Protein backbone atom coordinates (compact mmCIF):
# COMPACT_ATOMS: atom_id res chain seq x y z
CA SER A 1 41.30 20.56 27.79
CA GLY A 2 38.43 18.54 29.23
CA SER A 3 35.32 19.84 30.91
CA ALA A 4 34.87 19.77 34.68
CA ALA A 5 32.57 16.77 34.27
CA ASP A 6 35.30 14.89 32.42
CA THR A 7 38.11 15.72 34.80
CA ALA A 8 36.33 15.40 38.15
CA SER A 9 36.73 11.61 38.22
CA VAL A 10 39.99 11.45 36.27
CA PRO A 11 43.32 11.61 38.14
CA ALA A 12 45.42 14.67 37.33
CA SER A 13 48.12 12.37 35.94
CA VAL A 14 45.83 11.37 33.05
CA ASP A 15 46.00 13.50 29.90
CA VAL A 16 42.27 13.82 29.19
CA ASP A 17 42.75 15.23 25.69
CA ALA A 18 45.20 12.49 24.73
CA GLU A 19 42.88 9.75 26.02
CA ARG A 20 39.92 11.30 24.21
CA ALA A 21 42.02 11.31 21.03
CA ARG A 22 42.85 7.62 21.53
CA VAL A 23 39.16 6.77 21.90
CA ALA A 24 38.34 8.92 18.84
CA SER A 25 40.98 7.04 16.84
CA ALA A 26 39.48 3.69 17.90
CA ILE A 27 36.02 4.95 16.88
CA GLU A 28 37.35 5.87 13.44
CA GLN A 29 38.84 2.36 13.11
CA TRP A 30 35.41 0.97 14.11
CA ARG A 31 33.66 3.08 11.47
CA GLN A 32 36.16 2.10 8.79
CA GLY A 33 35.96 -1.57 9.77
CA PHE A 34 32.27 -1.56 8.89
CA GLU A 35 32.81 0.32 5.64
CA VAL A 36 35.45 -2.15 4.43
CA ARG A 37 33.29 -4.99 5.84
CA ALA A 38 36.24 -6.60 7.65
CA ILE A 39 35.68 -8.62 10.83
CA ASP A 40 39.46 -8.76 11.35
CA VAL A 41 39.47 -4.94 11.67
CA LEU A 42 36.51 -4.94 14.09
CA GLU A 43 37.47 -7.90 16.30
CA PRO A 44 40.32 -6.22 18.22
CA LEU A 45 38.07 -3.23 18.98
CA TYR A 46 35.65 -5.30 21.10
CA ALA A 47 36.07 -6.87 24.53
CA GLN A 48 36.09 -10.57 23.72
CA ASP A 49 34.42 -11.86 26.87
CA ASP A 50 31.05 -13.04 28.15
CA THR A 51 29.91 -9.54 29.15
CA VAL A 52 30.39 -7.56 25.92
CA THR A 53 26.97 -6.32 24.76
CA ARG A 54 25.62 -5.16 21.40
CA VAL A 55 22.13 -3.71 21.03
CA TRP A 56 21.14 -2.91 17.48
CA GLN A 57 17.62 -1.51 17.10
CA GLY A 58 16.08 -3.56 19.88
CA ARG A 59 18.04 -6.77 19.36
CA ALA A 60 20.38 -7.43 22.26
CA THR A 61 23.35 -9.77 22.07
CA VAL A 62 25.53 -10.56 25.07
CA GLY A 63 28.87 -12.37 24.94
CA TRP A 64 31.62 -12.28 22.34
CA ALA A 65 30.44 -15.31 20.33
CA GLY A 66 27.01 -13.74 19.77
CA VAL A 67 28.39 -10.24 19.18
CA ARG A 68 30.86 -11.60 16.61
CA ALA A 69 28.04 -13.47 14.83
CA SER A 70 25.92 -10.28 14.82
CA LEU A 71 28.79 -8.27 13.34
CA THR A 72 29.52 -10.96 10.74
CA ARG A 73 25.87 -10.96 9.60
CA GLN A 74 25.90 -7.18 9.24
CA LEU A 75 29.14 -7.31 7.23
CA GLU A 76 27.50 -9.60 4.65
CA ALA A 77 25.99 -6.49 3.03
CA THR A 78 27.22 -5.62 -0.43
CA GLU A 79 28.09 -2.15 0.80
CA LEU A 80 28.00 -0.33 4.15
CA ARG A 81 28.38 3.40 4.75
CA PHE A 82 28.65 4.72 8.31
CA GLY A 83 28.32 8.48 8.74
CA LEU A 84 29.15 9.55 12.29
CA THR A 85 28.57 13.14 13.46
CA ASN A 86 28.09 15.14 16.66
CA LEU A 87 30.39 12.81 18.57
CA ALA A 88 30.88 13.52 22.28
CA ILE A 89 33.52 11.51 24.14
CA THR A 90 33.58 11.48 27.94
CA LEU A 91 36.12 9.82 30.22
CA HIS A 92 34.77 8.10 33.33
CA GLY A 93 37.82 7.72 35.52
CA GLU A 94 40.91 5.96 34.16
CA GLN A 95 39.23 2.75 33.00
CA ALA A 96 36.08 3.77 31.12
CA ALA A 97 34.90 6.15 28.43
CA SER A 98 31.68 6.72 26.56
CA ALA A 99 31.00 8.11 23.12
CA VAL A 100 27.59 9.29 21.93
CA GLY A 101 26.85 10.58 18.46
CA SER A 102 24.54 10.61 15.48
CA LEU A 103 24.96 7.64 13.16
CA ARG A 104 23.61 7.19 9.64
CA VAL A 105 23.97 3.66 8.28
CA GLU A 106 23.43 3.00 4.59
CA THR A 107 23.22 -0.71 3.81
CA SER A 108 23.15 -2.04 0.26
CA GLN A 109 22.25 -5.60 -0.70
CA PRO A 110 21.92 -6.98 -4.23
CA THR A 111 18.17 -6.17 -4.36
CA THR A 112 17.55 -3.63 -1.57
CA SER A 113 19.03 -0.60 0.14
CA THR A 114 18.19 0.83 3.55
CA VAL A 115 19.11 3.96 5.45
CA GLU A 116 18.92 4.06 9.24
CA ALA A 117 19.66 7.27 11.13
CA GLY A 118 19.78 7.42 14.91
CA VAL A 119 21.96 7.58 17.98
CA ILE A 120 24.97 5.39 18.71
CA THR A 121 26.40 4.92 22.20
CA LEU A 122 29.73 3.15 22.54
CA THR A 123 31.02 2.36 26.02
CA TRP A 124 34.74 1.70 26.16
CA GLY A 125 36.83 -0.07 28.77
CA ARG A 126 40.56 -0.13 29.21
CA ASP A 127 42.25 -3.41 28.23
CA GLY A 128 45.92 -2.96 29.06
CA ASP A 129 47.11 -0.01 26.99
CA ARG A 130 44.16 0.06 24.57
CA TRP A 131 40.46 0.91 24.61
CA VAL A 132 37.88 -1.75 23.68
CA ILE A 133 34.11 -1.62 23.22
CA VAL A 134 32.30 -3.19 26.17
CA SER A 135 28.84 -2.07 25.08
CA GLU A 136 27.38 -0.79 21.81
CA HIS A 137 23.84 0.53 21.41
CA PHE A 138 22.29 1.89 18.21
CA SER A 139 18.67 2.93 17.92
CA PHE A 140 16.81 4.76 15.19
CA GLY A 141 13.31 5.99 14.64
CA ALA A 142 10.89 5.18 11.87
CA GLU A 143 11.33 7.39 8.81
């Protein structure tokens, strides 16, 4: 069952645990989409409009065309590993949810490899019967 903070703004008719599970499933698809480096897996997980936002270590992109280009550039890596832990999912009424967790991204290119560890925040909005990312923010500190 959800916490009081989760359920205060959610109508009693909404199954908080089931909706959290749906968001968690979408997050796992998101993680796997990066690992298999497939834009066709990631595309349906994002709101494809002029307001979708992606902030990746200080670089902000607004609008689906820019977000898609940002994702495509990231997927050009030879290998990507996304380790997601400490995930907390909160429902905000019937139409919005947020997920915050620790993210470790290992990126391999032909001549270099990097590891970035920080915090990911994914804000989800309802699009019909599915959840889509309306805002993504990842930041990490210097190692």
